[in-house]
Amino acid sequence: MTEQVHLALALERAGWHPAAWREASARPRDLTSPRYWRDLLRTADDAGLALATIEDALSLTDRFEPVEGLRRDRVRGRLDAVLIASFVAPLTRRIGLVPTVTTTHPEPFHVATGIQTLDYASRGRAGVRLVAGASAAERANFGRRTAGVDALPASGRVEDAPGIVAAFREAGEFADVLSRLWDSWQDDAIIRDAGTGRFLDADRVHDIEFEGEFFSIHGASIVPRSPQGRPLLTVLAHQTVPYRLAAEHADLVFVTPHGEGGRPGFDLAGIRAELDAAADELRTGGERLRVYADLVVLIEDTAAAARSALVRLDDWDGAPLASDARIVVGTPGDVAAAVRELAAAGVDGVRLRPARQPADVVAIAEKVVPLLRSTGTLRQDDGAGTLRTRLDLARPESRYVREKVAL
């Protein structure tokens, strides 16, 4: 029997190749247009993709990119990912909407209420992808912190950089606060009984009373409990410290395995083993952590045309395309084969990062998806209403119901 997976999409301005905006098929004048994002997400929605993440950042530079000598030949500026998702929520039908949020500078209360509102606007299709850390450029935009994460250590290991480790501890608290705020209203807190004049049962709204290393939050969310109870919480992880963050707090983790002969230490079996060990130690509750593998894809009808397109883009950018994720440059069949390989290895889903938008998004929807359907690789769409249900994740009960029962 063919192993089945969900297919996801990762959207990043003009695409994941830095020179993608120069392609004839690109829409650089529309990158700040709502219709650009509507068109991309409707294309993915109509193709039946399970969810789409939307990249975001808090500075003009990319993370760890030098502030001085800012390159002018790359896309700069972006729209807010949460607001993009909120705009397209009523314009899409089925796809999960998962904007990216950096945990260092925003307040978890604001993020919690924004994602809850997105869950209402999308009728239960909201999630969030949490990113830890803050570069010098990001810190300068807020002016509240002098210390932060300016670069990866020479070893490349997160645990060798105390500032990055602290940023992940903060991200863990951030995730914990989000979940508590999402639980702070019980499902039946609102009564709406006009006859008795009772709108709210105040006993079913709970102050979270959180005291941690980074946050001190007393009250409850201002948004009633949303359709999914808790929107989907996701993390991208590459090594031990972020694996542990995902294992303890996330519903779904995006990982970046490479094929045989690829980056050392990035084999899928090793990643899964480390995640499983972290989950055994840290995870509570009965829900298993879902694992999605990332692929950067550039798709043409022939392998030669795909290679030619990549050479053109690399020449424009002045360097070969580099990525934390495996890069697949080829035909729709090549991409489908890579997805089937990952499905056979036991992942729950595959997230495709289109090198060029909209060209590779259209190719995924019109050519890759039909191939995967024809081989039975894609999970069947059973018409589930919420993102959690679609991904076979239970709707969690508020922790405050459990605490009340325990008393």
Protein backbone atom coordinates (compact mmCIF):
# COMPACT_ATOMS: atom_id res chain seq x y z
CA MET A 1 0.00 0.00 0.00
CA THR A 2 1.28 3.48 -0.87
CA GLU A 3 2.09 5.61 2.15
CA GLN A 4 0.00 8.78 2.15
CA VAL A 5 0.88 12.33 3.16
CA HIS A 6 -0.65 15.78 3.33
CA LEU A 7 0.85 18.40 1.01
CA ALA A 8 1.60 21.90 2.29
CA LEU A 9 2.95 25.08 0.72
CA ALA A 10 5.40 27.70 2.03
CA LEU A 11 4.89 31.16 0.52
CA GLU A 12 7.72 33.72 0.53
CA ARG A 13 7.18 37.00 -1.35
CA ALA A 14 8.30 36.32 -4.97
CA GLY A 15 9.57 32.83 -4.13
CA TRP A 16 12.42 31.11 -2.35
CA HIS A 17 15.07 31.97 -4.93
CA PRO A 18 16.39 35.49 -4.19
CA ALA A 19 16.21 36.44 -7.88
CA ALA A 20 12.73 35.03 -8.51
CA TRP A 21 11.23 38.51 -8.78
CA ARG A 22 13.15 39.03 -12.05
CA GLU A 23 11.47 36.11 -13.85
CA ALA A 24 9.13 37.05 -16.71
CA SER A 25 6.31 35.15 -14.97
CA ALA A 26 6.82 37.01 -11.66
CA ARG A 27 4.56 39.80 -10.43
CA PRO A 28 6.96 42.16 -8.60
CA ARG A 29 4.55 45.09 -8.81
CA ASP A 30 1.89 43.02 -7.04
CA LEU A 31 3.88 41.74 -4.06
CA THR A 32 2.15 44.25 -1.79
CA SER A 33 -1.21 43.75 -3.48
CA PRO A 34 -3.91 41.74 -1.67
CA ARG A 35 -4.92 40.11 -4.95
CA TYR A 36 -1.44 38.58 -5.34
CA TRP A 37 -1.82 36.65 -2.08
CA ARG A 38 -5.47 35.87 -2.81
CA ASP A 39 -4.50 34.35 -6.16
CA LEU A 40 -1.68 32.24 -4.71
CA LEU A 41 -3.75 30.90 -1.84
CA ARG A 42 -6.82 30.25 -3.97
CA THR A 43 -4.67 28.28 -6.40
CA ALA A 44 -3.38 26.14 -3.52
CA ASP A 45 -6.86 25.88 -2.01
CA ASP A 46 -8.47 24.74 -5.25
CA ALA A 47 -5.73 22.10 -5.64
CA GLY A 48 -6.60 20.65 -2.24
CA LEU A 49 -3.39 21.46 -0.36
CA ALA A 50 -3.80 21.01 3.37
CA LEU A 51 -2.18 24.22 4.57
CA ALA A 52 0.01 27.14 3.55
CA THR A 53 2.56 28.93 5.70
CA ILE A 54 3.30 32.60 5.03
CA GLU A 55 6.79 33.89 5.77
CA ASP A 56 7.39 37.06 7.79
CA ALA A 57 10.24 38.96 9.44
CA LEU A 58 10.76 42.10 11.49
CA SER A 59 13.47 43.84 9.45
CA LEU A 60 14.35 44.73 5.87
CA THR A 61 17.29 42.35 5.93
CA ASP A 62 16.95 38.60 6.04
CA ARG A 63 17.86 36.95 9.34
CA PHE A 64 21.65 37.17 9.95
CA GLU A 65 22.13 39.22 6.78
CA PRO A 66 24.49 42.19 7.35
CA VAL A 67 22.72 45.51 7.84
CA GLU A 68 25.51 47.46 6.17
CA GLY A 69 25.68 47.40 2.40
CA LEU A 70 22.10 46.25 1.94
CA ARG A 71 21.76 44.48 -1.40
CA ARG A 72 19.39 46.32 -3.71
CA ASP A 73 18.87 43.46 -6.16
CA ARG A 74 16.67 41.41 -3.81
CA VAL A 75 13.07 41.86 -2.74
CA ARG A 76 12.80 44.14 0.29
CA GLY A 77 9.71 44.83 2.30
CA ARG A 78 6.73 42.59 2.91
CA LEU A 79 3.15 42.61 4.13
CA ASP A 80 2.30 41.37 7.62
CA ALA A 81 1.67 37.62 7.45
CA VAL A 82 -1.15 37.53 10.01
CA LEU A 83 -2.99 40.28 8.15
CA ILE A 84 -2.49 38.52 4.81
CA ALA A 85 -4.01 35.38 6.30
CA SER A 86 -6.91 37.34 7.77
CA PHE A 87 -7.60 38.97 4.40
CA VAL A 88 -7.67 35.70 2.48
CA ALA A 89 -9.55 33.74 5.17
CA PRO A 90 -13.07 34.50 3.86
CA LEU A 91 -11.83 34.20 0.25
CA THR A 92 -10.66 30.58 0.63
CA ARG A 93 -12.58 27.43 1.50
CA ARG A 94 -10.46 24.61 2.84
CA ILE A 95 -6.77 25.43 3.12
CA GLY A 96 -5.17 26.00 6.52
CA LEU A 97 -3.65 29.46 6.95
CA VAL A 98 -0.43 29.52 9.02
CA PRO A 99 1.34 32.91 9.23
CA THR A 100 4.84 33.24 10.69
CA VAL A 101 5.41 35.16 13.94
CA THR A 102 8.75 36.01 15.58
CA THR A 103 8.58 35.36 19.32
CA THR A 104 11.18 37.85 20.56
CA HIS A 105 9.52 41.24 20.14
CA PRO A 106 5.73 40.83 19.79
CA GLU A 107 3.69 40.25 22.93
CA PRO A 108 2.14 36.78 23.17
CA PHE A 109 -1.20 38.34 24.20
CA HIS A 110 -1.43 40.23 20.90
CA VAL A 111 -0.40 37.18 18.88
CA ALA A 112 -2.86 34.95 20.74
CA THR A 113 -5.81 37.23 20.04
CA GLY A 114 -4.75 37.80 16.41
CA ILE A 115 -4.54 34.08 15.68
CA GLN A 116 -7.82 33.42 17.49
CA THR A 117 -9.45 36.10 15.34
CA LEU A 118 -7.97 34.42 12.26
CA ASP A 119 -9.48 31.14 13.44
CA TYR A 120 -12.90 32.78 13.52
CA ALA A 121 -12.39 34.52 10.16
CA SER A 122 -11.34 31.23 8.52
CA ARG A 123 -13.98 29.13 10.31
CA GLY A 124 -11.38 26.99 12.03
CA ARG A 125 -8.41 26.94 9.64
CA ALA A 126 -5.84 29.02 11.55
CA GLY A 127 -2.38 28.18 12.75
CA VAL A 128 0.87 29.96 13.53
CA ARG A 129 4.54 29.22 12.83
CA LEU A 130 6.76 30.45 15.63
CA VAL A 131 10.30 31.71 14.92
CA ALA A 132 12.77 32.22 17.78
CA GLY A 133 15.47 34.85 17.92
CA ALA A 134 16.07 38.46 16.98
CA SER A 135 18.84 39.86 14.81
CA ALA A 136 20.55 43.19 15.33
CA ALA A 137 18.38 44.75 12.62
CA GLU A 138 15.21 43.49 14.30
CA ARG A 139 16.34 44.74 17.71
CA ALA A 140 17.05 48.15 16.21
CA ASN A 141 13.47 48.35 14.96
CA PHE A 142 12.12 47.96 18.50
CA GLY A 143 14.77 49.56 20.68
CA ARG A 144 13.97 47.57 23.81
CA ARG A 145 16.85 45.08 23.83
CA THR A 146 20.59 45.46 23.49
CA ALA A 147 21.52 41.76 23.46
CA GLY A 148 20.26 39.21 21.01
CA VAL A 149 21.14 36.74 18.28
CA ASP A 150 23.51 38.35 15.80
CA ALA A 151 24.88 35.24 14.08
CA LEU A 152 25.08 31.49 14.31
CA PRO A 153 28.17 30.24 16.20
CA ALA A 154 31.12 29.02 14.14
CA SER A 155 30.21 25.43 15.03
CA GLY A 156 26.73 25.90 13.59
CA ARG A 157 25.31 24.34 16.77
CA VAL A 158 22.58 26.32 18.52
CA GLU A 159 23.58 24.97 21.92
CA ASP A 160 26.99 26.67 21.55
CA ALA A 161 25.36 30.13 21.51
CA PRO A 162 23.83 31.13 24.88
CA GLY A 163 21.86 33.94 23.25
CA ILE A 164 20.17 31.58 20.81
CA VAL A 165 19.45 29.05 23.55
CA ALA A 166 17.80 31.83 25.57
CA ALA A 167 15.77 32.84 22.53
CA PHE A 168 14.43 29.29 22.27
CA ARG A 169 13.57 29.24 25.98
CA GLU A 170 11.63 32.45 25.36
CA ALA A 171 9.91 30.87 22.36
CA GLY A 172 8.88 27.95 24.57
CA GLU A 173 7.32 30.31 27.11
CA PHE A 174 5.66 32.20 24.27
CA ALA A 175 4.09 28.97 22.99
CA ASP A 176 2.97 28.01 26.49
CA VAL A 177 1.31 31.40 27.00
CA LEU A 178 -0.47 31.16 23.65
CA SER A 179 -1.97 27.80 24.59
CA ARG A 180 -3.05 29.05 28.01
CA LEU A 181 -4.68 32.16 26.56
CA TRP A 182 -6.45 30.06 23.92
CA ASP A 183 -7.78 27.87 26.75
CA SER A 184 -8.76 30.75 29.04
CA TRP A 185 -12.39 30.80 27.85
CA GLN A 186 -14.26 27.53 28.17
CA ASP A 187 -16.40 26.59 25.18
CA ASP A 188 -19.64 27.29 27.05
CA ALA A 189 -18.58 30.60 28.66
CA ILE A 190 -20.97 32.68 26.55
CA ILE A 191 -24.64 32.17 27.46
CA ARG A 192 -26.43 34.88 25.43
CA ASP A 193 -29.65 34.58 27.41
CA ALA A 194 -31.51 37.81 26.67
CA GLY A 195 -34.40 36.84 28.93
CA THR A 196 -32.28 36.66 32.08
CA GLY A 197 -29.80 39.30 30.95
CA ARG A 198 -26.87 36.88 31.26
CA PHE A 199 -24.45 37.12 28.36
CA LEU A 200 -21.44 35.56 30.06
CA ASP A 201 -20.75 32.93 32.72
CA ALA A 202 -17.77 34.61 34.33
CA ASP A 203 -16.85 31.40 36.17
CA ARG A 204 -15.94 29.90 32.80
CA VAL A 205 -13.41 32.63 31.92
CA HIS A 206 -10.06 32.07 33.64
CA ASP A 207 -7.06 34.30 34.34
CA ILE A 208 -4.01 32.36 33.26
CA GLU A 209 -1.81 33.66 36.13
CA PHE A 210 1.43 32.93 34.26
CA GLU A 211 4.81 33.77 35.80
CA GLY A 212 7.87 32.75 33.81
CA GLU A 213 11.41 33.76 32.99
CA PHE A 214 10.32 36.11 30.19
CA PHE A 215 6.60 36.80 30.63
CA SER A 216 4.25 37.66 33.47
CA ILE A 217 0.61 37.58 32.38
CA HIS A 218 -2.35 37.71 34.70
CA GLY A 219 -5.55 37.86 32.70
CA ALA A 220 -7.56 35.98 30.09
CA SER A 221 -7.76 36.42 26.35
CA ILE A 222 -10.22 39.04 25.10
CA VAL A 223 -11.34 36.63 22.36
CA PRO A 224 -13.76 33.80 23.23
CA ARG A 225 -12.48 30.29 22.59
CA SER A 226 -12.12 29.87 18.85
CA PRO A 227 -13.47 27.12 16.55
CA GLN A 228 -10.44 24.83 16.91
CA GLY A 229 -10.06 25.47 20.63
CA ARG A 230 -6.36 25.90 20.05
CA PRO A 231 -5.22 26.92 16.55
CA LEU A 232 -2.42 24.83 15.08
CA LEU A 233 1.01 25.59 16.58
CA THR A 234 3.97 24.85 14.28
CA VAL A 235 7.77 25.20 14.35
CA LEU A 236 10.59 24.80 11.80
CA ALA A 237 13.44 22.83 13.37
CA HIS A 238 16.94 21.88 12.20
CA GLN A 239 18.76 20.60 15.28
CA THR A 240 18.56 19.61 18.94
CA VAL A 241 17.37 22.82 20.65
CA PRO A 242 14.56 23.58 18.18
CA TYR A 243 13.66 19.87 18.01
CA ARG A 244 13.04 20.03 21.75
CA LEU A 245 10.95 23.18 21.38
CA ALA A 246 8.79 21.43 18.80
CA ALA A 247 8.52 18.23 20.78
CA GLU A 248 7.31 20.04 23.90
CA HIS A 249 5.00 22.67 22.41
CA ALA A 250 4.12 22.18 18.74
CA ASP A 251 1.37 20.26 17.00
CA LEU A 252 3.44 20.04 13.82
CA VAL A 253 7.15 20.41 13.06
CA PHE A 254 8.73 21.21 9.69
CA VAL A 255 12.10 19.49 9.23
CA THR A 256 14.75 19.67 6.50
CA PRO A 257 16.09 16.20 5.66
CA HIS A 258 18.53 15.79 2.79
CA GLY A 259 18.97 12.79 0.56
CA GLU A 260 21.88 10.37 0.53
CA GLY A 261 25.10 12.30 0.13
CA GLY A 262 23.45 15.52 1.32
CA ARG A 263 24.16 17.57 4.43
CA PRO A 264 25.71 15.44 7.21
CA GLY A 265 23.36 14.95 10.15
CA PHE A 266 20.28 15.73 8.08
CA ASP A 267 19.12 12.21 7.32
CA LEU A 268 15.43 11.71 8.05
CA ALA A 269 15.91 8.65 10.25
CA GLY A 270 18.26 10.59 12.53
CA ILE A 271 15.88 13.55 12.69
CA ARG A 272 12.94 11.30 13.56
CA ALA A 273 14.96 9.51 16.26
CA GLU A 274 15.93 12.79 17.91
CA LEU A 275 12.39 14.13 17.76
CA ASP A 276 11.00 10.91 19.21
CA ALA A 277 13.48 10.98 22.08
CA ALA A 278 12.63 14.62 22.84
CA ALA A 279 8.90 13.88 22.69
CA ASP A 280 9.27 10.92 25.08
CA GLU A 281 10.98 13.25 27.56
CA LEU A 282 8.99 16.46 27.16
CA ARG A 283 5.62 15.90 25.49
CA THR A 284 2.43 15.70 27.52
CA GLY A 285 -1.01 14.55 26.45
CA GLY A 286 -1.79 11.82 23.99
CA GLU A 287 -1.37 13.68 20.69
CA ARG A 288 1.58 12.65 18.55
CA LEU A 289 3.83 15.36 17.04
CA ARG A 290 3.20 15.55 13.28
CA VAL A 291 6.34 15.73 11.11
CA TYR A 292 6.46 17.47 7.71
CA ALA A 293 9.56 17.48 5.49
CA ASP A 294 10.48 20.57 3.47
CA LEU A 295 11.55 20.67 -0.19
CA VAL A 296 12.51 23.72 -2.26
CA VAL A 297 11.15 23.11 -5.76
CA LEU A 298 11.72 24.62 -9.21
CA ILE A 299 9.50 22.97 -11.80
CA GLU A 300 9.54 22.94 -15.60
CA ASP A 301 8.17 20.48 -18.16
CA THR A 302 11.66 19.14 -18.87
CA ALA A 303 14.70 18.64 -16.67
CA ALA A 304 16.81 20.69 -19.10
CA ALA A 305 14.41 23.62 -18.92
CA ALA A 306 14.42 23.48 -15.12
CA ARG A 307 18.23 23.47 -14.97
CA SER A 308 18.35 26.35 -17.44
CA ALA A 309 15.91 28.36 -15.31
CA LEU A 310 18.02 27.76 -12.20
CA VAL A 311 21.22 28.82 -13.99
CA ARG A 312 19.51 32.03 -15.11
CA LEU A 313 18.32 32.82 -11.59
CA ASP A 314 21.70 31.99 -10.06
CA ASP A 315 23.44 34.24 -12.58
CA TRP A 316 21.13 37.11 -11.70
CA ASP A 317 21.78 36.63 -7.99
CA GLY A 318 25.51 36.08 -8.38
CA ALA A 319 25.60 32.82 -6.42
CA PRO A 320 24.15 29.31 -6.54
CA LEU A 321 20.85 28.81 -4.74
CA ALA A 322 21.47 27.64 -1.17
CA SER A 323 18.89 26.44 1.32
CA ASP A 324 18.50 24.68 4.64
CA ALA A 325 16.10 22.32 2.82
CA ARG A 326 16.76 19.88 0.00
CA ILE A 327 16.41 21.50 -3.44
CA VAL A 328 14.61 19.64 -6.24
CA VAL A 329 15.04 21.15 -9.71
CA GLY A 330 13.25 19.23 -12.43
CA THR A 331 9.94 18.07 -13.83
CA PRO A 332 6.62 17.59 -12.03
CA GLY A 333 7.48 13.88 -12.03
CA ASP A 334 10.79 14.58 -10.26
CA VAL A 335 9.02 16.54 -7.52
CA ALA A 336 6.31 13.89 -7.17
CA ALA A 337 9.01 11.21 -6.86
CA ALA A 338 10.71 13.18 -4.07
CA VAL A 339 7.39 13.50 -2.24
CA ARG A 340 6.71 9.77 -2.62
CA GLU A 341 10.18 9.01 -1.28
CA LEU A 342 9.47 11.05 1.84
CA ALA A 343 6.02 9.49 2.20
CA ALA A 344 7.60 6.03 2.08
CA ALA A 345 10.01 7.16 4.83
CA GLY A 346 7.05 7.81 7.12
CA VAL A 347 6.58 11.59 7.33
CA ASP A 348 3.06 12.93 7.88
CA GLY A 349 3.35 15.60 5.21
CA VAL A 350 5.61 17.44 2.81
CA ARG A 351 5.86 21.22 2.61
CA LEU A 352 6.91 22.55 -0.78
CA ARG A 353 8.76 25.86 -1.00
CA PRO A 354 8.27 27.24 -4.55
CA ALA A 355 11.47 28.76 -5.90
CA ARG A 356 9.38 31.12 -8.05
CA GLN A 357 5.94 32.55 -7.40
CA PRO A 358 3.48 32.21 -8.96
CA ALA A 359 5.05 29.88 -11.58
CA ASP A 360 5.98 27.02 -9.26
CA VAL A 361 2.78 27.38 -7.23
CA VAL A 362 0.78 26.87 -10.43
CA ALA A 363 2.98 23.92 -11.41
CA ILE A 364 2.44 22.31 -8.01
CA ALA A 365 -1.33 22.77 -8.24
CA GLU A 366 -1.80 21.78 -11.88
CA LYS A 367 0.90 19.16 -12.43
CA VAL A 368 2.41 17.79 -9.21
CA VAL A 369 -0.84 17.33 -7.28
CA PRO A 370 -2.55 15.29 -10.06
CA LEU A 371 0.50 13.01 -10.27
CA LEU A 372 0.45 12.41 -6.52
CA ARG A 373 -3.28 11.76 -6.58
CA SER A 374 -2.90 9.26 -9.41
CA THR A 375 -0.46 7.21 -7.32
CA GLY A 376 -2.53 7.45 -4.14
CA THR A 377 0.17 9.43 -2.34
CA LEU A 378 -2.03 12.29 -1.13
CA ARG A 379 -4.32 11.87 1.82
CA GLN A 380 -7.96 11.89 0.80
CA ASP A 381 -9.89 15.08 1.55
CA ASP A 382 -12.74 13.87 3.73
CA GLY A 383 -14.46 17.25 3.88
CA ALA A 384 -13.37 17.97 7.47
CA GLY A 385 -14.25 21.50 8.45
CA THR A 386 -11.31 22.56 10.59
CA LEU A 387 -7.58 22.33 10.02
CA ARG A 388 -7.10 20.19 13.11
CA THR A 389 -9.71 17.71 11.95
CA ARG A 390 -8.24 17.60 8.47
CA LEU A 391 -4.83 16.73 9.92
CA ASP A 392 -6.32 14.13 12.30
CA LEU A 393 -5.56 16.25 15.35
CA ALA A 394 -8.10 16.21 18.16
CA ARG A 395 -9.77 19.41 19.28
CA PRO A 396 -8.23 19.87 22.75
CA GLU A 397 -10.40 20.54 25.76
CA SER A 398 -9.58 23.65 27.76
CA ARG A 399 -7.08 22.85 30.50
CA TYR A 400 -9.30 24.80 32.90
CA VAL A 401 -12.11 22.29 32.44
CA ARG A 402 -9.70 19.55 33.42
CA GLU A 403 -8.49 21.55 36.42
CA LYS A 404 -12.06 22.15 37.58
CA VAL A 405 -12.88 18.45 37.30
CA ALA A 406 -9.70 17.57 39.23
CA LEU A 407 -10.83 19.78 42.13
